[in-house]
Amino acid sequence: MIIKKEFYKEVYFVESPEYLTKIQWNNLLMVGNKNWDNYFLPFKTKRSFEKIDNIELVEFDTKDSMFKYIKNVDSNLVLNFSLEHKNPCLIRFT
């Protein structure tokens, strides 16, 4: 079951997050399980990043409900998912 949905006008994909400061890490939105990509809320940085527009973060009560949701959504819309946070979640294009 979906427990939360949040829309973000933009998020950052940072290729080398190990060089970010602790303050910048406070903007972490999600770490993806597909390829361990790191997605952040916008922040000031000199590091290269990719801006991704119109993203929705969807949180679930169980990983089974998340995977069931993924099966019923166009796979081109799902950017990444995570089991590493408090609740299973995914980010998708809207």
PDB file of N, CA and C in Angstrom:
ATOM      1  N   MET A   1       0.839  -1.165   0.000  1.00  0.00           N
ATOM      2  CA  MET A   1       0.000   0.000   0.000  1.00  0.00           C
ATOM      3  C   MET A   1       0.900   1.249   0.000  1.00  0.00           C
ATOM      4  N   ILE A   2       0.508   2.240  -0.769  1.00  0.00           N
ATOM      5  CA  ILE A   2       1.228   3.508  -0.795  1.00  0.00           C
ATOM      6  C   ILE A   2       0.917   4.250   0.499  1.00  0.00           C
ATOM      7  N   ILE A   3       1.969   4.713   1.161  1.00  0.00           N
ATOM      8  CA  ILE A   3       1.749   5.475   2.389  1.00  0.00           C
ATOM      9  C   ILE A   3       2.064   6.962   2.209  1.00  0.00           C
ATOM     10  N   LYS A   4       2.781   7.301   1.128  1.00  0.00           N
ATOM     11  CA  LYS A   4       3.123   8.704   0.922  1.00  0.00           C
ATOM     12  C   LYS A   4       3.565   8.930  -0.523  1.00  0.00           C
ATOM     13  N   LYS A   5       3.156  10.063  -1.081  1.00  0.00           N
ATOM     14  CA  LYS A   5       3.615  10.510  -2.397  1.00  0.00           C
ATOM     15  C   LYS A   5       4.043  11.958  -2.271  1.00  0.00           C
ATOM     16  N   GLU A   6       5.197  12.269  -2.842  1.00  0.00           N
ATOM     17  CA  GLU A   6       5.663  13.646  -2.816  1.00  0.00           C
ATOM     18  C   GLU A   6       6.214  14.015  -4.182  1.00  0.00           C
ATOM     19  N   PHE A   7       5.782  15.154  -4.700  1.00  0.00           N
ATOM     20  CA  PHE A   7       6.234  15.639  -5.998  1.00  0.00           C
ATOM     21  C   PHE A   7       7.402  16.597  -5.809  1.00  0.00           C
ATOM     22  N   TYR A   8       8.391  16.489  -6.699  1.00  0.00           N
ATOM     23  CA  TYR A   8       9.529  17.398  -6.697  1.00  0.00           C
ATOM     24  C   TYR A   8       9.706  17.953  -8.106  1.00  0.00           C
ATOM     25  N   LYS A   9       9.751  19.256  -8.204  1.00  0.00           N
ATOM     26  CA  LYS A   9       9.924  19.906  -9.502  1.00  0.00           C
ATOM     27  C   LYS A   9      11.272  19.531 -10.111  1.00  0.00           C
ATOM     28  N   GLU A  10      12.298  19.373  -9.260  1.00  0.00           N
ATOM     29  CA  GLU A  10      13.599  18.929  -9.740  1.00  0.00           C
ATOM     30  C   GLU A  10      14.374  18.241  -8.625  1.00  0.00           C
ATOM     31  N   VAL A  11      15.190  17.277  -9.025  1.00  0.00           N
ATOM     32  CA  VAL A  11      16.143  16.628  -8.128  1.00  0.00           C
ATOM     33  C   VAL A  11      17.471  16.557  -8.873  1.00  0.00           C
ATOM     34  N   TYR A  12      18.542  16.332  -8.121  1.00  0.00           N
ATOM     35  CA  TYR A  12      19.875  16.230  -8.705  1.00  0.00           C
ATOM     36  C   TYR A  12      20.360  14.789  -8.619  1.00  0.00           C
ATOM     37  N   PHE A  13      20.937  14.342  -9.715  1.00  0.00           N
ATOM     38  CA  PHE A  13      21.684  13.090  -9.718  1.00  0.00           C
ATOM     39  C   PHE A  13      23.153  13.494  -9.685  1.00  0.00           C
ATOM     40  N   VAL A  14      23.865  13.078  -8.642  1.00  0.00           N
ATOM     41  CA  VAL A  14      25.269  13.434  -8.481  1.00  0.00           C
ATOM     42  C   VAL A  14      26.102  12.181  -8.717  1.00  0.00           C
ATOM     43  N   GLU A  15      27.014  12.276  -9.677  1.00  0.00           N
ATOM     44  CA  GLU A  15      27.789  11.102 -10.072  1.00  0.00           C
ATOM     45  C   GLU A  15      28.841  10.691  -9.043  1.00  0.00           C
ATOM     46  N   SER A  16      29.492  11.634  -8.406  1.00  0.00           N
ATOM     47  CA  SER A  16      30.540  11.323  -7.425  1.00  0.00           C
ATOM     48  C   SER A  16      30.184  11.935  -6.064  1.00  0.00           C
ATOM     49  N   PRO A  17      29.192  11.384  -5.394  1.00  0.00           N
ATOM     50  CA  PRO A  17      28.731  11.997  -4.143  1.00  0.00           C
ATOM     51  C   PRO A  17      29.744  11.917  -3.005  1.00  0.00           C
ATOM     52  N   GLU A  18      30.736  11.066  -3.130  1.00  0.00           N
ATOM     53  CA  GLU A  18      31.723  10.948  -2.051  1.00  0.00           C
ATOM     54  C   GLU A  18      32.490  12.253  -1.804  1.00  0.00           C
ATOM     55  N   TYR A  19      32.425  13.179  -2.762  1.00  0.00           N
ATOM     56  CA  TYR A  19      33.110  14.464  -2.617  1.00  0.00           C
ATOM     57  C   TYR A  19      32.207  15.568  -2.065  1.00  0.00           C
ATOM     58  N   LEU A  20      30.979  15.248  -1.776  1.00  0.00           N
ATOM     59  CA  LEU A  20      30.062  16.258  -1.237  1.00  0.00           C
ATOM     60  C   LEU A  20      30.335  16.499   0.240  1.00  0.00           C
ATOM     61  N   THR A  21      29.926  17.662   0.709  1.00  0.00           N
ATOM     62  CA  THR A  21      30.087  18.000   2.124  1.00  0.00           C
ATOM     63  C   THR A  21      28.956  17.364   2.941  1.00  0.00           C
ATOM     64  N   LYS A  22      29.115  17.359   4.244  1.00  0.00           N
ATOM     65  CA  LYS A  22      28.056  16.830   5.123  1.00  0.00           C
ATOM     66  C   LYS A  22      26.766  17.629   4.959  1.00  0.00           C
ATOM     67  N   ILE A  23      26.898  18.926   4.800  1.00  0.00           N
ATOM     68  CA  ILE A  23      25.713  19.776   4.611  1.00  0.00           C
ATOM     69  C   ILE A  23      24.989  19.406   3.316  1.00  0.00           C
ATOM     70  N   GLN A  24      25.744  19.151   2.265  1.00  0.00           N
ATOM     71  CA  GLN A  24      25.119  18.750   1.003  1.00  0.00           C
ATOM     72  C   GLN A  24      24.455  17.378   1.137  1.00  0.00           C
ATOM     73  N   TRP A  25      25.058  16.476   1.897  1.00  0.00           N
ATOM     74  CA  TRP A  25      24.467  15.153   2.120  1.00  0.00           C
ATOM     75  C   TRP A  25      23.123  15.243   2.848  1.00  0.00           C
ATOM     76  N   ASN A  26      22.895  16.319   3.570  1.00  0.00           N
ATOM     77  CA  ASN A  26      21.606  16.505   4.243  1.00  0.00           C
ATOM     78  C   ASN A  26      20.460  16.631   3.241  1.00  0.00           C
ATOM     79  N   ASN A  27      20.779  16.849   1.977  1.00  0.00           N
ATOM     80  CA  ASN A  27      19.771  16.970   0.924  1.00  0.00           C
ATOM     81  C   ASN A  27      19.494  15.648   0.206  1.00  0.00           C
ATOM     82  N   LEU A  28      20.032  14.562   0.726  1.00  0.00           N
ATOM     83  CA  LEU A  28      19.817  13.258   0.104  1.00  0.00           C
ATOM     84  C   LEU A  28      18.329  12.908   0.113  1.00  0.00           C
ATOM     85  N   LEU A  29      17.818  12.566  -1.042  1.00  0.00           N
ATOM     86  CA  LEU A  29      16.426  12.139  -1.154  1.00  0.00           C
ATOM     87  C   LEU A  29      16.340  10.619  -1.138  1.00  0.00           C
ATOM     88  N   MET A  30      17.198   9.970  -1.927  1.00  0.00           N
ATOM     89  CA  MET A  30      17.133   8.519  -2.024  1.00  0.00           C
ATOM     90  C   MET A  30      18.410   7.962  -2.633  1.00  0.00           C
ATOM     91  N   VAL A  31      18.786   6.764  -2.194  1.00  0.00           N
ATOM     92  CA  VAL A  31      19.852   5.986  -2.828  1.00  0.00           C
ATOM     93  C   VAL A  31      19.166   4.816  -3.508  1.00  0.00           C
ATOM     94  N   GLY A  32      19.357   4.699  -4.813  1.00  0.00           N
ATOM     95  CA  GLY A  32      18.680   3.653  -5.572  1.00  0.00           C
ATOM     96  C   GLY A  32      19.367   2.308  -5.470  1.00  0.00           C
ATOM     97  N   ASN A  33      18.587   1.244  -5.397  1.00  0.00           N
ATOM     98  CA  ASN A  33      19.125  -0.111  -5.353  1.00  0.00           C
ATOM     99  C   ASN A  33      19.523  -0.640  -6.727  1.00  0.00           C
ATOM    100  N   LYS A  34      18.940  -0.106  -7.783  1.00  0.00           N
ATOM    101  CA  LYS A  34      19.244  -0.619  -9.126  1.00  0.00           C
ATOM    102  C   LYS A  34      20.721  -0.459  -9.455  1.00  0.00           C
ATOM    103  N   ASN A  35      21.299   0.668  -9.080  1.00  0.00           N
ATOM    104  CA  ASN A  35      22.691   0.939  -9.436  1.00  0.00           C
ATOM    105  C   ASN A  35      23.377   1.863  -8.429  1.00  0.00           C
ATOM    106  N   TRP A  36      22.809   1.992  -7.256  1.00  0.00           N
ATOM    107  CA  TRP A  36      23.352   2.793  -6.154  1.00  0.00           C
ATOM    108  C   TRP A  36      23.521   4.266  -6.521  1.00  0.00           C
ATOM    109  N   ASP A  37      22.689   4.748  -7.428  1.00  0.00           N
ATOM    110  CA  ASP A  37      22.689   6.168  -7.758  1.00  0.00           C
ATOM    111  C   ASP A  37      22.138   6.961  -6.586  1.00  0.00           C
ATOM    112  N   ASN A  38      22.645   8.178  -6.429  1.00  0.00           N
ATOM    113  CA  ASN A  38      22.235   9.057  -5.339  1.00  0.00           C
ATOM    114  C   ASN A  38      21.440  10.221  -5.899  1.00  0.00           C
ATOM    115  N   TYR A  39      20.271  10.446  -5.339  1.00  0.00           N
ATOM    116  CA  TYR A  39      19.385  11.522  -5.775  1.00  0.00           C
ATOM    117  C   TYR A  39      19.226  12.506  -4.626  1.00  0.00           C
ATOM    118  N   PHE A  40      19.372  13.787  -4.942  1.00  0.00           N
ATOM    119  CA  PHE A  40      19.375  14.831  -3.931  1.00  0.00           C
ATOM    120  C   PHE A  40      18.358  15.909  -4.251  1.00  0.00           C
ATOM    121  N   LEU A  41      17.879  16.553  -3.200  1.00  0.00           N
ATOM    122  CA  LEU A  41      17.126  17.784  -3.377  1.00  0.00           C
ATOM    123  C   LEU A  41      18.129  18.845  -3.822  1.00  0.00           C
ATOM    124  N   PRO A  42      17.722  19.854  -4.573  1.00  0.00           N
ATOM    125  CA  PRO A  42      18.668  20.846  -5.097  1.00  0.00           C
ATOM    126  C   PRO A  42      19.479  21.529  -3.989  1.00  0.00           C
ATOM    127  N   PHE A  43      20.737  21.763  -4.280  1.00  0.00           N
ATOM    128  CA  PHE A  43      21.648  22.466  -3.388  1.00  0.00           C
ATOM    129  C   PHE A  43      22.754  23.106  -4.221  1.00  0.00           C
ATOM    130  N   LYS A  44      23.479  24.035  -3.627  1.00  0.00           N
ATOM    131  CA  LYS A  44      24.582  24.692  -4.329  1.00  0.00           C
ATOM    132  C   LYS A  44      25.799  23.784  -4.312  1.00  0.00           C
ATOM    133  N   THR A  45      26.406  23.622  -5.495  1.00  0.00           N
ATOM    134  CA  THR A  45      27.596  22.787  -5.592  1.00  0.00           C
ATOM    135  C   THR A  45      28.398  23.156  -6.832  1.00  0.00           C
ATOM    136  N   LYS A  46      29.685  22.906  -6.766  1.00  0.00           N
ATOM    137  CA  LYS A  46      30.561  23.080  -7.930  1.00  0.00           C
ATOM    138  C   LYS A  46      30.750  21.739  -8.640  1.00  0.00           C
ATOM    139  N   ARG A  47      30.298  20.672  -8.015  1.00  0.00           N
ATOM    140  CA  ARG A  47      30.395  19.330  -8.611  1.00  0.00           C
ATOM    141  C   ARG A  47      29.414  19.205  -9.776  1.00  0.00           C
ATOM    142  N   SER A  48      29.768  18.352 -10.708  1.00  0.00           N
ATOM    143  CA  SER A  48      28.840  18.159 -11.822  1.00  0.00           C
ATOM    144  C   SER A  48      27.646  17.319 -11.348  1.00  0.00           C
ATOM    145  N   PHE A  49      26.492  17.643 -11.883  1.00  0.00           N
ATOM    146  CA  PHE A  49      25.270  16.924 -11.536  1.00  0.00           C
ATOM    147  C   PHE A  49      24.331  17.003 -12.729  1.00  0.00           C
ATOM    148  N   GLU A  50      23.380  16.120 -12.714  1.00  0.00           N
ATOM    149  CA  GLU A  50      22.331  16.123 -13.724  1.00  0.00           C
ATOM    150  C   GLU A  50      21.036  16.515 -13.042  1.00  0.00           C
ATOM    151  N   LYS A  51      20.339  17.467 -13.615  1.00  0.00           N
ATOM    152  CA  LYS A  51      19.046  17.884 -13.068  1.00  0.00           C
ATOM    153  C   LYS A  51      17.966  17.021 -13.705  1.00  0.00           C
ATOM    154  N   ILE A  52      17.113  16.454 -12.879  1.00  0.00           N
ATOM    155  CA  ILE A  52      16.008  15.621 -13.355  1.00  0.00           C
ATOM    156  C   ILE A  52      14.721  16.312 -12.933  1.00  0.00           C
ATOM    157  N   ASP A  53      13.873  16.601 -13.904  1.00  0.00           N
ATOM    158  CA  ASP A  53      12.644  17.357 -13.641  1.00  0.00           C
ATOM    159  C   ASP A  53      11.439  16.457 -13.415  1.00  0.00           C
ATOM    160  N   ASN A  54      10.514  16.974 -12.610  1.00  0.00           N
ATOM    161  CA  ASN A  54       9.191  16.369 -12.392  1.00  0.00           C
ATOM    162  C   ASN A  54       9.264  14.922 -11.925  1.00  0.00           C
ATOM    163  N   ILE A  55       9.704  14.782 -10.700  1.00  0.00           N
ATOM    164  CA  ILE A  55       9.888  13.475 -10.080  1.00  0.00           C
ATOM    165  C   ILE A  55       8.900  13.325  -8.925  1.00  0.00           C
ATOM    166  N   GLU A  56       8.429  12.115  -8.752  1.00  0.00           N
ATOM    167  CA  GLU A  56       7.562  11.811  -7.620  1.00  0.00           C
ATOM    168  C   GLU A  56       8.238  10.727  -6.789  1.00  0.00           C
ATOM    169  N   LEU A  57       8.326  10.962  -5.488  1.00  0.00           N
ATOM    170  CA  LEU A  57       8.817   9.960  -4.550  1.00  0.00           C
ATOM    171  C   LEU A  57       7.593   9.265  -3.973  1.00  0.00           C
ATOM    172  N   VAL A  58       7.558   7.946  -4.085  1.00  0.00           N
ATOM    173  CA  VAL A  58       6.422   7.162  -3.599  1.00  0.00           C
ATOM    174  C   VAL A  58       6.948   6.190  -2.546  1.00  0.00           C
ATOM    175  N   GLU A  59       6.370   6.254  -1.347  1.00  0.00           N
ATOM    176  CA  GLU A  59       6.766   5.356  -0.260  1.00  0.00           C
ATOM    177  C   GLU A  59       5.684   4.303  -0.046  1.00  0.00           C
ATOM    178  N   PHE A  60       6.117   3.110   0.334  1.00  0.00           N
ATOM    179  CA  PHE A  60       5.223   1.970   0.514  1.00  0.00           C
ATOM    180  C   PHE A  60       5.371   1.376   1.907  1.00  0.00           C
ATOM    181  N   ASP A  61       4.352   0.637   2.323  1.00  0.00           N
ATOM    182  CA  ASP A  61       4.423  -0.010   3.631  1.00  0.00           C
ATOM    183  C   ASP A  61       5.283  -1.270   3.596  1.00  0.00           C
ATOM    184  N   THR A  62       5.331  -1.969   2.458  1.00  0.00           N
ATOM    185  CA  THR A  62       6.143  -3.179   2.326  1.00  0.00           C
ATOM    186  C   THR A  62       6.835  -3.210   0.970  1.00  0.00           C
ATOM    187  N   LYS A  63       7.904  -3.989   0.879  1.00  0.00           N
ATOM    188  CA  LYS A  63       8.590  -4.113  -0.412  1.00  0.00           C
ATOM    189  C   LYS A  63       7.717  -4.860  -1.416  1.00  0.00           C
ATOM    190  N   ASP A  64       6.896  -5.797  -0.949  1.00  0.00           N
ATOM    191  CA  ASP A  64       5.999  -6.515  -1.851  1.00  0.00           C
ATOM    192  C   ASP A  64       5.005  -5.568  -2.524  1.00  0.00           C
ATOM    193  N   SER A  65       4.466  -4.628  -1.761  1.00  0.00           N
ATOM    194  CA  SER A  65       3.521  -3.684  -2.364  1.00  0.00           C
ATOM    195  C   SER A  65       4.234  -2.760  -3.348  1.00  0.00           C
ATOM    196  N   MET A  66       5.489  -2.432  -3.075  1.00  0.00           N
ATOM    197  CA  MET A  66       6.247  -1.602  -4.009  1.00  0.00           C
ATOM    198  C   MET A  66       6.479  -2.346  -5.323  1.00  0.00           C
ATOM    199  N   PHE A  67       6.917  -3.601  -5.241  1.00  0.00           N
ATOM    200  CA  PHE A  67       7.177  -4.358  -6.462  1.00  0.00           C
ATOM    201  C   PHE A  67       5.894  -4.634  -7.240  1.00  0.00           C
ATOM    202  N   LYS A  68       4.799  -4.829  -6.554  1.00  0.00           N
ATOM    203  CA  LYS A  68       3.507  -4.990  -7.228  1.00  0.00           C
ATOM    204  C   LYS A  68       3.153  -3.705  -7.985  1.00  0.00           C
ATOM    205  N   TYR A  69       3.381  -2.566  -7.355  1.00  0.00           N
ATOM    206  CA  TYR A  69       3.136  -1.263  -7.996  1.00  0.00           C
ATOM    207  C   TYR A  69       4.012  -1.109  -9.239  1.00  0.00           C
ATOM    208  N   ILE A  70       5.294  -1.467  -9.121  1.00  0.00           N
ATOM    209  CA  ILE A  70       6.224  -1.339 -10.243  1.00  0.00           C
ATOM    210  C   ILE A  70       5.759  -2.173 -11.431  1.00  0.00           C
ATOM    211  N   LYS A  71       5.235  -3.361 -11.175  1.00  0.00           N
ATOM    212  CA  LYS A  71       4.757  -4.230 -12.261  1.00  0.00           C
ATOM    213  C   LYS A  71       3.593  -3.618 -13.028  1.00  0.00           C
ATOM    214  N   ASN A  72       2.827  -2.741 -12.371  1.00  0.00           N
ATOM    215  CA  ASN A  72       1.646  -2.155 -12.997  1.00  0.00           C
ATOM    216  C   ASN A  72       1.879  -0.749 -13.539  1.00  0.00           C
ATOM    217  N   VAL A  73       3.125  -0.307 -13.567  1.00  0.00           N
ATOM    218  CA  VAL A  73       3.466   1.031 -14.051  1.00  0.00           C
ATOM    219  C   VAL A  73       4.379   0.885 -15.256  1.00  0.00           C
ATOM    220  N   ASP A  74       4.260   1.789 -16.194  1.00  0.00           N
ATOM    221  CA  ASP A  74       5.143   1.810 -17.355  1.00  0.00           C
ATOM    222  C   ASP A  74       6.593   1.838 -16.856  1.00  0.00           C
ATOM    223  N   SER A  75       7.392   0.865 -17.255  1.00  0.00           N
ATOM    224  CA  SER A  75       8.766   0.761 -16.762  1.00  0.00           C
ATOM    225  C   SER A  75       9.618   1.971 -17.139  1.00  0.00           C
ATOM    226  N   ASN A  76       9.231   2.701 -18.175  1.00  0.00           N
ATOM    227  CA  ASN A  76       9.958   3.909 -18.565  1.00  0.00           C
ATOM    228  C   ASN A  76       9.758   5.045 -17.563  1.00  0.00           C
ATOM    229  N   LEU A  77       8.738   4.945 -16.732  1.00  0.00           N
ATOM    230  CA  LEU A  77       8.465   5.995 -15.753  1.00  0.00           C
ATOM    231  C   LEU A  77       9.214   5.800 -14.444  1.00  0.00           C
ATOM    232  N   VAL A  78       9.591   4.565 -14.129  1.00  0.00           N
ATOM    233  CA  VAL A  78      10.285   4.283 -12.873  1.00  0.00           C
ATOM    234  C   VAL A  78      11.776   4.554 -13.059  1.00  0.00           C
ATOM    235  N   LEU A  79      12.274   5.524 -12.313  1.00  0.00           N
ATOM    236  CA  LEU A  79      13.684   5.889 -12.409  1.00  0.00           C
ATOM    237  C   LEU A  79      14.545   4.956 -11.558  1.00  0.00           C
ATOM    238  N   ASN A  80      14.119   4.716 -10.325  1.00  0.00           N
ATOM    239  CA  ASN A  80      14.878   3.852  -9.433  1.00  0.00           C
ATOM    240  C   ASN A  80      14.016   3.517  -8.213  1.00  0.00           C
ATOM    241  N   PHE A  81      14.429   2.501  -7.464  1.00  0.00           N
ATOM    242  CA  PHE A  81      13.727   2.135  -6.233  1.00  0.00           C
ATOM    243  C   PHE A  81      14.753   1.899  -5.142  1.00  0.00           C
ATOM    244  N   SER A  82      14.283   1.875  -3.900  1.00  0.00           N
ATOM    245  CA  SER A  82      15.201   1.665  -2.791  1.00  0.00           C
ATOM    246  C   SER A  82      14.555   0.853  -1.675  1.00  0.00           C
ATOM    247  N   LEU A  83      15.355  -0.040  -1.124  1.00  0.00           N
ATOM    248  CA  LEU A  83      14.984  -0.779   0.079  1.00  0.00           C
ATOM    249  C   LEU A  83      15.877  -0.359   1.239  1.00  0.00           C
ATOM    250  N   GLU A  84      16.671   0.673   1.043  1.00  0.00           N
ATOM    251  CA  GLU A  84      17.680   1.111   2.008  1.00  0.00           C
ATOM    252  C   GLU A  84      17.183   2.171   2.977  1.00  0.00           C
ATOM    253  N   HIS A  85      15.984   2.649   2.806  1.00  0.00           N
ATOM    254  CA  HIS A  85      15.463   3.712   3.658  1.00  0.00           C
ATOM    255  C   HIS A  85      14.445   3.125   4.633  1.00  0.00           C
ATOM    256  N   LYS A  86      13.897   3.957   5.476  1.00  0.00           N
ATOM    257  CA  LYS A  86      12.938   3.492   6.492  1.00  0.00           C
ATOM    258  C   LYS A  86      11.808   2.692   5.855  1.00  0.00           C
ATOM    259  N   ASN A  87      11.257   3.207   4.763  1.00  0.00           N
ATOM    260  CA  ASN A  87      10.193   2.516   4.028  1.00  0.00           C
ATOM    261  C   ASN A  87      10.671   2.251   2.597  1.00  0.00           C
ATOM    262  N   PRO A  88      10.243   1.139   2.003  1.00  0.00           N
ATOM    263  CA  PRO A  88      10.564   0.929   0.591  1.00  0.00           C
ATOM    264  C   PRO A  88      10.009   2.101  -0.217  1.00  0.00           C
ATOM    265  N   CYS A  89      10.770   2.551  -1.204  1.00  0.00           N
ATOM    266  CA  CYS A  89      10.310   3.706  -1.965  1.00  0.00           C
ATOM    267  C   CYS A  89      10.853   3.656  -3.386  1.00  0.00           C
ATOM    268  N   LEU A  90      10.273   4.474  -4.226  1.00  0.00           N
ATOM    269  CA  LEU A  90      10.756   4.609  -5.589  1.00  0.00           C
ATOM    270  C   LEU A  90      10.612   6.047  -6.023  1.00  0.00           C
ATOM    271  N   ILE A  91      11.405   6.400  -7.028  1.00  0.00           N
ATOM    272  CA  ILE A  91      11.209   7.690  -7.663  1.00  0.00           C
ATOM    273  C   ILE A  91      10.842   7.401  -9.100  1.00  0.00           C
ATOM    274  N   ARG A  92       9.878   8.192  -9.576  1.00  0.00           N
ATOM    275  CA  ARG A  92       9.343   7.981 -10.914  1.00  0.00           C
ATOM    276  C   ARG A  92       9.088   9.331 -11.565  1.00  0.00           C
ATOM    277  N   PHE A  93       9.074   9.298 -12.881  1.00  0.00           N
ATOM    278  CA  PHE A  93       8.697  10.494 -13.622  1.00  0.00           C
ATOM    279  C   PHE A  93       7.180  10.658 -13.558  1.00  0.00           C
ATOM    280  N   THR A  94       6.724  11.902 -13.543  1.00  0.00           N
ATOM    281  CA  THR A  94       5.280  12.141 -13.509  1.00  0.00           C
ATOM    282  C   THR A  94       4.770  12.487 -14.889  1.00  0.00           C
TER     283      THR A  94
END
